[in-house]
Amino acid sequence: MLDDINTFSEIARNIATVLGILIGGSWSLWVFFLSRIFAGSLIITQTLKEMTTLNSFSIAIIEVRVKNIGRTKVDLEY
């Protein structure tokens, strides 16, 4: 009877180990490759602040806002 309990616990332990490896591997695959965690994600909004005419040229003054909603740093060049 004790051998049956040991065999059952060994089988349960092996199944738990395999499940843990599969779940951990799936999570790693999703986080690092499929969800593109290292890609920047930006929201860019533009607002027209003022429109004027100077010497028959139309001039538009706009406001541009950039918000980083991703998990990585994004360097902006302007």
PDB file of N, CA and C in Angstrom:
ATOM      1  N   MET A   1       0.823  -1.197   0.000  1.00  0.00           N
ATOM      2  CA  MET A   1       0.000   0.000   0.000  1.00  0.00           C
ATOM      3  C   MET A   1       0.870   1.265   0.000  1.00  0.00           C
ATOM      4  N   LEU A   2       1.953   1.231   0.753  1.00  0.00           N
ATOM      5  CA  LEU A   2       2.851   2.382   0.783  1.00  0.00           C
ATOM      6  C   LEU A   2       3.502   2.585  -0.581  1.00  0.00           C
ATOM      7  N   ASP A   3       3.782   1.496  -1.289  1.00  0.00           N
ATOM      8  CA  ASP A   3       4.350   1.609  -2.638  1.00  0.00           C
ATOM      9  C   ASP A   3       3.363   2.272  -3.589  1.00  0.00           C
ATOM     10  N   ASP A   4       2.064   1.976  -3.420  1.00  0.00           N
ATOM     11  CA  ASP A   4       1.046   2.604  -4.259  1.00  0.00           C
ATOM     12  C   ASP A   4       0.983   4.107  -4.017  1.00  0.00           C
ATOM     13  N   ILE A   5       1.084   4.516  -2.763  1.00  0.00           N
ATOM     14  CA  ILE A   5       1.059   5.948  -2.426  1.00  0.00           C
ATOM     15  C   ILE A   5       2.300   6.634  -2.978  1.00  0.00           C
ATOM     16  N   ASN A   6       3.448   6.013  -2.857  1.00  0.00           N
ATOM     17  CA  ASN A   6       4.687   6.590  -3.398  1.00  0.00           C
ATOM     18  C   ASN A   6       4.618   6.708  -4.917  1.00  0.00           C
ATOM     19  N   THR A   7       4.092   5.691  -5.574  1.00  0.00           N
ATOM     20  CA  THR A   7       3.960   5.726  -7.030  1.00  0.00           C
ATOM     21  C   THR A   7       2.996   6.830  -7.454  1.00  0.00           C
ATOM     22  N   PHE A   8       1.867   6.931  -6.758  1.00  0.00           N
ATOM     23  CA  PHE A   8       0.891   7.973  -7.082  1.00  0.00           C
ATOM     24  C   PHE A   8       1.480   9.368  -6.874  1.00  0.00           C
ATOM     25  N   SER A   9       2.186   9.572  -5.762  1.00  0.00           N
ATOM     26  CA  SER A   9       2.771  10.898  -5.496  1.00  0.00           C
ATOM     27  C   SER A   9       3.868  11.229  -6.506  1.00  0.00           C
ATOM     28  N   GLU A  10       4.618  10.224  -6.944  1.00  0.00           N
ATOM     29  CA  GLU A  10       5.651  10.462  -7.948  1.00  0.00           C
ATOM     30  C   GLU A  10       5.020  10.836  -9.299  1.00  0.00           C
ATOM     31  N   ILE A  11       3.950  10.164  -9.665  1.00  0.00           N
ATOM     32  CA  ILE A  11       3.244  10.486 -10.905  1.00  0.00           C
ATOM     33  C   ILE A  11       2.661  11.892 -10.829  1.00  0.00           C
ATOM     34  N   ALA A  12       2.037  12.242  -9.695  1.00  0.00           N
ATOM     35  CA  ALA A  12       1.453  13.574  -9.518  1.00  0.00           C
ATOM     36  C   ALA A  12       2.532  14.651  -9.583  1.00  0.00           C
ATOM     37  N   ARG A  13       3.682  14.371  -8.964  1.00  0.00           N
ATOM     38  CA  ARG A  13       4.795  15.330  -8.991  1.00  0.00           C
ATOM     39  C   ARG A  13       5.308  15.522 -10.414  1.00  0.00           C
ATOM     40  N   ASN A  14       5.437  14.454 -11.171  1.00  0.00           N
ATOM     41  CA  ASN A  14       5.912  14.549 -12.550  1.00  0.00           C
ATOM     42  C   ASN A  14       4.922  15.316 -13.426  1.00  0.00           C
ATOM     43  N   ILE A  15       3.633  15.071 -13.235  1.00  0.00           N
ATOM     44  CA  ILE A  15       2.617  15.796 -13.996  1.00  0.00           C
ATOM     45  C   ILE A  15       2.659  17.284 -13.649  1.00  0.00           C
ATOM     46  N   ALA A  16       2.790  17.611 -12.357  1.00  0.00           N
ATOM     47  CA  ALA A  16       2.867  19.018 -11.937  1.00  0.00           C
ATOM     48  C   ALA A  16       4.107  19.693 -12.520  1.00  0.00           C
ATOM     49  N   THR A  17       5.210  18.979 -12.572  1.00  0.00           N
ATOM     50  CA  THR A  17       6.443  19.534 -13.146  1.00  0.00           C
ATOM     51  C   THR A  17       6.276  19.825 -14.633  1.00  0.00           C
ATOM     52  N   VAL A  18       5.705  18.885 -15.358  1.00  0.00           N
ATOM     53  CA  VAL A  18       5.489  19.080 -16.794  1.00  0.00           C
ATOM     54  C   VAL A  18       4.528  20.239 -17.034  1.00  0.00           C
ATOM     55  N   LEU A  19       3.443  20.300 -16.274  1.00  0.00           N
ATOM     56  CA  LEU A  19       2.494  21.408 -16.421  1.00  0.00           C
ATOM     57  C   LEU A  19       3.153  22.749 -16.110  1.00  0.00           C
ATOM     58  N   GLY A  20       3.976  22.802 -15.079  1.00  0.00           N
ATOM     59  CA  GLY A  20       4.673  24.037 -14.731  1.00  0.00           C
ATOM     60  C   GLY A  20       5.605  24.495 -15.838  1.00  0.00           C
ATOM     61  N   ILE A  21       6.325  23.556 -16.435  1.00  0.00           N
ATOM     62  CA  ILE A  21       7.233  23.908 -17.528  1.00  0.00           C
ATOM     63  C   ILE A  21       6.445  24.395 -18.738  1.00  0.00           C
ATOM     64  N   LEU A  22       5.345  23.713 -19.075  1.00  0.00           N
ATOM     65  CA  LEU A  22       4.533  24.129 -20.219  1.00  0.00           C
ATOM     66  C   LEU A  22       3.892  25.501 -20.002  1.00  0.00           C
ATOM     67  N   ILE A  23       3.358  25.743 -18.819  1.00  0.00           N
ATOM     68  CA  ILE A  23       2.726  27.039 -18.533  1.00  0.00           C
ATOM     69  C   ILE A  23       3.766  28.150 -18.521  1.00  0.00           C
ATOM     70  N   GLY A  24       4.909  27.908 -17.887  1.00  0.00           N
ATOM     71  CA  GLY A  24       5.976  28.914 -17.867  1.00  0.00           C
ATOM     72  C   GLY A  24       6.523  29.208 -19.254  1.00  0.00           C
ATOM     73  N   GLY A  25       6.696  28.174 -20.075  1.00  0.00           N
ATOM     74  CA  GLY A  25       7.176  28.377 -21.438  1.00  0.00           C
ATOM     75  C   GLY A  25       6.169  29.136 -22.287  1.00  0.00           C
ATOM     76  N   SER A  26       4.898  28.808 -22.115  1.00  0.00           N
ATOM     77  CA  SER A  26       3.853  29.526 -22.861  1.00  0.00           C
ATOM     78  C   SER A  26       3.816  30.993 -22.464  1.00  0.00           C
ATOM     79  N   TRP A  27       3.924  31.268 -21.177  1.00  0.00           N
ATOM     80  CA  TRP A  27       3.919  32.646 -20.702  1.00  0.00           C
ATOM     81  C   TRP A  27       5.122  33.416 -21.262  1.00  0.00           C
ATOM     82  N   SER A  28       6.293  32.793 -21.239  1.00  0.00           N
ATOM     83  CA  SER A  28       7.494  33.455 -21.767  1.00  0.00           C
ATOM     84  C   SER A  28       7.361  33.735 -23.259  1.00  0.00           C
ATOM     85  N   LEU A  29       6.836  32.779 -23.996  1.00  0.00           N
ATOM     86  CA  LEU A  29       6.625  32.970 -25.428  1.00  0.00           C
ATOM     87  C   LEU A  29       5.682  34.138 -25.676  1.00  0.00           C
ATOM     88  N   TRP A  30       4.608  34.208 -24.923  1.00  0.00           N
ATOM     89  CA  TRP A  30       3.630  35.289 -25.097  1.00  0.00           C
ATOM     90  C   TRP A  30       4.242  36.642 -24.752  1.00  0.00           C
ATOM     91  N   VAL A  31       4.888  36.748 -23.615  1.00  0.00           N
ATOM     92  CA  VAL A  31       5.401  38.038 -23.142  1.00  0.00           C
ATOM     93  C   VAL A  31       6.521  38.559 -24.022  1.00  0.00           C
ATOM     94  N   PHE A  32       7.471  37.719 -24.387  1.00  0.00           N
ATOM     95  CA  PHE A  32       8.673  38.204 -25.052  1.00  0.00           C
ATOM     96  C   PHE A  32       8.623  38.167 -26.572  1.00  0.00           C
ATOM     97  N   PHE A  33       7.704  37.413 -27.154  1.00  0.00           N
ATOM     98  CA  PHE A  33       7.688  37.315 -28.614  1.00  0.00           C
ATOM     99  C   PHE A  33       6.343  37.704 -29.226  1.00  0.00           C
ATOM    100  N   LEU A  34       5.266  37.183 -28.719  1.00  0.00           N
ATOM    101  CA  LEU A  34       3.980  37.393 -29.358  1.00  0.00           C
ATOM    102  C   LEU A  34       3.356  38.741 -29.020  1.00  0.00           C
ATOM    103  N   SER A  35       3.532  39.222 -27.797  1.00  0.00           N
ATOM    104  CA  SER A  35       2.911  40.491 -27.430  1.00  0.00           C
ATOM    105  C   SER A  35       3.789  41.689 -27.767  1.00  0.00           C
ATOM    106  N   ARG A  36       4.948  41.446 -28.320  1.00  0.00           N
ATOM    107  CA  ARG A  36       5.878  42.499 -28.749  1.00  0.00           C
ATOM    108  C   ARG A  36       6.122  43.504 -27.623  1.00  0.00           C
ATOM    109  N   ILE A  37       6.559  42.990 -26.494  1.00  0.00           N
ATOM    110  CA  ILE A  37       6.776  43.820 -25.310  1.00  0.00           C
ATOM    111  C   ILE A  37       7.864  44.863 -25.540  1.00  0.00           C
ATOM    112  N   PHE A  38       8.784  44.605 -26.459  1.00  0.00           N
ATOM    113  CA  PHE A  38       9.883  45.529 -26.667  1.00  0.00           C
ATOM    114  C   PHE A  38       9.588  46.566 -27.739  1.00  0.00           C
ATOM    115  N   ALA A  39       8.411  46.542 -28.319  1.00  0.00           N
ATOM    116  CA  ALA A  39       8.036  47.530 -29.323  1.00  0.00           C
ATOM    117  C   ALA A  39       7.405  48.733 -28.634  1.00  0.00           C
ATOM    118  N   GLY A  40       7.769  49.911 -29.068  1.00  0.00           N
ATOM    119  CA  GLY A  40       7.179  51.117 -28.503  1.00  0.00           C
ATOM    120  C   GLY A  40       5.735  51.274 -28.934  1.00  0.00           C
ATOM    121  N   SER A  41       4.964  51.894 -28.085  1.00  0.00           N
ATOM    122  CA  SER A  41       3.556  52.127 -28.394  1.00  0.00           C
ATOM    123  C   SER A  41       3.238  53.567 -28.016  1.00  0.00           C
ATOM    124  N   LEU A  42       2.932  54.387 -29.013  1.00  0.00           N
ATOM    125  CA  LEU A  42       2.722  55.813 -28.787  1.00  0.00           C
ATOM    126  C   LEU A  42       1.318  56.222 -29.206  1.00  0.00           C
ATOM    127  N   ILE A  43       0.785  57.206 -28.488  1.00  0.00           N
ATOM    128  CA  ILE A  43      -0.442  57.880 -28.900  1.00  0.00           C
ATOM    129  C   ILE A  43      -0.050  59.298 -29.276  1.00  0.00           C
ATOM    130  N   ILE A  44      -0.368  59.684 -30.506  1.00  0.00           N
ATOM    131  CA  ILE A  44      -0.017  61.018 -30.991  1.00  0.00           C
ATOM    132  C   ILE A  44      -1.308  61.784 -31.244  1.00  0.00           C
ATOM    133  N   THR A  45      -1.434  62.959 -30.599  1.00  0.00           N
ATOM    134  CA  THR A  45      -2.605  63.808 -30.825  1.00  0.00           C
ATOM    135  C   THR A  45      -2.144  65.151 -31.357  1.00  0.00           C
ATOM    136  N   GLN A  46      -2.927  65.702 -32.266  1.00  0.00           N
ATOM    137  CA  GLN A  46      -2.609  66.986 -32.882  1.00  0.00           C
ATOM    138  C   GLN A  46      -3.812  67.900 -32.700  1.00  0.00           C
ATOM    139  N   THR A  47      -3.527  69.156 -32.350  1.00  0.00           N
ATOM    140  CA  THR A  47      -4.589  70.139 -32.152  1.00  0.00           C
ATOM    141  C   THR A  47      -4.219  71.416 -32.897  1.00  0.00           C
ATOM    142  N   LEU A  48      -5.178  71.946 -33.636  1.00  0.00           N
ATOM    143  CA  LEU A  48      -4.973  73.221 -34.309  1.00  0.00           C
ATOM    144  C   LEU A  48      -5.199  74.337 -33.290  1.00  0.00           C
ATOM    145  N   LYS A  49      -4.159  75.101 -32.993  1.00  0.00           N
ATOM    146  CA  LYS A  49      -4.246  76.162 -31.988  1.00  0.00           C
ATOM    147  C   LYS A  49      -4.687  77.494 -32.595  1.00  0.00           C
ATOM    148  N   GLU A  50      -4.145  77.814 -33.754  1.00  0.00           N
ATOM    149  CA  GLU A  50      -4.454  79.109 -34.362  1.00  0.00           C
ATOM    150  C   GLU A  50      -4.205  79.034 -35.855  1.00  0.00           C
ATOM    151  N   MET A  51      -5.026  79.762 -36.613  1.00  0.00           N
ATOM    152  CA  MET A  51      -4.859  79.857 -38.057  1.00  0.00           C
ATOM    153  C   MET A  51      -4.851  81.338 -38.405  1.00  0.00           C
ATOM    154  N   THR A  52      -3.821  81.777 -39.096  1.00  0.00           N
ATOM    155  CA  THR A  52      -3.705  83.194 -39.419  1.00  0.00           C
ATOM    156  C   THR A  52      -3.130  83.352 -40.827  1.00  0.00           C
ATOM    157  N   THR A  53      -3.203  84.548 -41.319  1.00  0.00           N
ATOM    158  CA  THR A  53      -2.655  84.862 -42.634  1.00  0.00           C
ATOM    159  C   THR A  53      -1.629  85.977 -42.469  1.00  0.00           C
ATOM    160  N   LEU A  54      -0.476  85.797 -43.105  1.00  0.00           N
ATOM    161  CA  LEU A  54       0.595  86.788 -43.037  1.00  0.00           C
ATOM    162  C   LEU A  54       1.145  86.961 -44.448  1.00  0.00           C
ATOM    163  N   ASN A  55       0.982  88.175 -45.013  1.00  0.00           N
ATOM    164  CA  ASN A  55       1.463  88.471 -46.372  1.00  0.00           C
ATOM    165  C   ASN A  55       0.931  87.445 -47.383  1.00  0.00           C
ATOM    166  N   SER A  56      -0.317  87.182 -47.323  1.00  0.00           N
ATOM    167  CA  SER A  56      -1.044  86.262 -48.202  1.00  0.00           C
ATOM    168  C   SER A  56      -0.604  84.796 -48.063  1.00  0.00           C
ATOM    169  N   PHE A  57       0.099  84.481 -46.978  1.00  0.00           N
ATOM    170  CA  PHE A  57       0.455  83.093 -46.671  1.00  0.00           C
ATOM    171  C   PHE A  57      -0.369  82.638 -45.481  1.00  0.00           C
ATOM    172  N   SER A  58      -0.935  81.478 -45.572  1.00  0.00           N
ATOM    173  CA  SER A  58      -1.675  80.910 -44.450  1.00  0.00           C
ATOM    174  C   SER A  58      -0.698  80.226 -43.499  1.00  0.00           C
ATOM    175  N   ILE A  59      -0.853  80.522 -42.230  1.00  0.00           N
ATOM    176  CA  ILE A  59       0.022  79.951 -41.209  1.00  0.00           C
ATOM    177  C   ILE A  59      -0.858  79.223 -40.188  1.00  0.00           C
ATOM    178  N   ALA A  60      -0.504  77.998 -39.907  1.00  0.00           N
ATOM    179  CA  ALA A  60      -1.231  77.204 -38.913  1.00  0.00           C
ATOM    180  C   ALA A  60      -0.296  76.914 -37.750  1.00  0.00           C
ATOM    181  N   ILE A  61      -0.772  77.150 -36.560  1.00  0.00           N
ATOM    182  CA  ILE A  61      -0.017  76.819 -35.355  1.00  0.00           C
ATOM    183  C   ILE A  61      -0.698  75.597 -34.749  1.00  0.00           C
ATOM    184  N   ILE A  62       0.072  74.525 -34.652  1.00  0.00           N
ATOM    185  CA  ILE A  62      -0.495  73.289 -34.143  1.00  0.00           C
ATOM    186  C   ILE A  62       0.250  72.849 -32.891  1.00  0.00           C
ATOM    187  N   GLU A  63      -0.445  72.058 -32.085  1.00  0.00           N
ATOM    188  CA  GLU A  63       0.157  71.458 -30.898  1.00  0.00           C
ATOM    189  C   GLU A  63       0.157  69.951 -31.108  1.00  0.00           C
ATOM    190  N   VAL A  64       1.308  69.342 -30.894  1.00  0.00           N
ATOM    191  CA  VAL A  64       1.446  67.897 -31.040  1.00  0.00           C
ATOM    192  C   VAL A  64       1.847  67.329 -29.690  1.00  0.00           C
ATOM    193  N   ARG A  65       1.076  66.358 -29.227  1.00  0.00           N
ATOM    194  CA  ARG A  65       1.394  65.684 -27.964  1.00  0.00           C
ATOM    195  C   ARG A  65       1.650  64.207 -28.244  1.00  0.00           C
ATOM    196  N   VAL A  66       2.697  63.705 -27.631  1.00  0.00           N
ATOM    197  CA  VAL A  66       3.057  62.304 -27.794  1.00  0.00           C
ATOM    198  C   VAL A  66       3.055  61.666 -26.407  1.00  0.00           C
ATOM    199  N   LYS A  67       2.294  60.585 -26.267  1.00  0.00           N
ATOM    200  CA  LYS A  67       2.211  59.881 -24.984  1.00  0.00           C
ATOM    201  C   LYS A  67       2.660  58.442 -25.194  1.00  0.00           C
ATOM    202  N   ASN A  68       3.599  58.007 -24.376  1.00  0.00           N
ATOM    203  CA  ASN A  68       4.108  56.645 -24.447  1.00  0.00           C
ATOM    204  C   ASN A  68       3.237  55.761 -23.556  1.00  0.00           C
ATOM    205  N   ILE A  69       2.544  54.803 -24.168  1.00  0.00           N
ATOM    206  CA  ILE A  69       1.731  53.880 -23.379  1.00  0.00           C
ATOM    207  C   ILE A  69       2.343  52.485 -23.350  1.00  0.00           C
ATOM    208  N   GLY A  70       3.519  52.345 -23.920  1.00  0.00           N
ATOM    209  CA  GLY A  70       4.197  51.051 -23.940  1.00  0.00           C
ATOM    210  C   GLY A  70       5.049  50.849 -22.698  1.00  0.00           C
ATOM    211  N   ARG A  71       5.741  49.751 -22.682  1.00  0.00           N
ATOM    212  CA  ARG A  71       6.593  49.406 -21.540  1.00  0.00           C
ATOM    213  C   ARG A  71       8.059  49.741 -21.781  1.00  0.00           C
ATOM    214  N   THR A  72       8.367  50.317 -22.936  1.00  0.00           N
ATOM    215  CA  THR A  72       9.754  50.628 -23.236  1.00  0.00           C
ATOM    216  C   THR A  72       9.933  52.125 -23.426  1.00  0.00           C
ATOM    217  N   LYS A  73      11.145  52.579 -23.255  1.00  0.00           N
ATOM    218  CA  LYS A  73      11.464  53.977 -23.444  1.00  0.00           C
ATOM    219  C   LYS A  73      11.543  54.268 -24.940  1.00  0.00           C
ATOM    220  N   VAL A  74      10.934  55.370 -25.339  1.00  0.00           N
ATOM    221  CA  VAL A  74      10.958  55.772 -26.747  1.00  0.00           C
ATOM    222  C   VAL A  74      11.665  57.123 -26.811  1.00  0.00           C
ATOM    223  N   ASP A  75      12.741  57.199 -27.596  1.00  0.00           N
ATOM    224  CA  ASP A  75      13.471  58.448 -27.772  1.00  0.00           C
ATOM    225  C   ASP A  75      12.828  59.235 -28.908  1.00  0.00           C
ATOM    226  N   LEU A  76      12.509  60.491 -28.618  1.00  0.00           N
ATOM    227  CA  LEU A  76      11.887  61.351 -29.628  1.00  0.00           C
ATOM    228  C   LEU A  76      12.929  62.299 -30.195  1.00  0.00           C
ATOM    229  N   GLU A  77      12.883  62.478 -31.481  1.00  0.00           N
ATOM    230  CA  GLU A  77      13.753  63.450 -32.140  1.00  0.00           C
ATOM    231  C   GLU A  77      12.866  64.470 -32.819  1.00  0.00           C
ATOM    232  N   TYR A  78      13.080  65.739 -32.510  1.00  0.00           N
ATOM    233  CA  TYR A  78      12.269  66.797 -33.123  1.00  0.00           C
ATOM    234  C   TYR A  78      13.106  67.985 -33.431  1.00  0.00           C
TER     235      TYR A  78
END
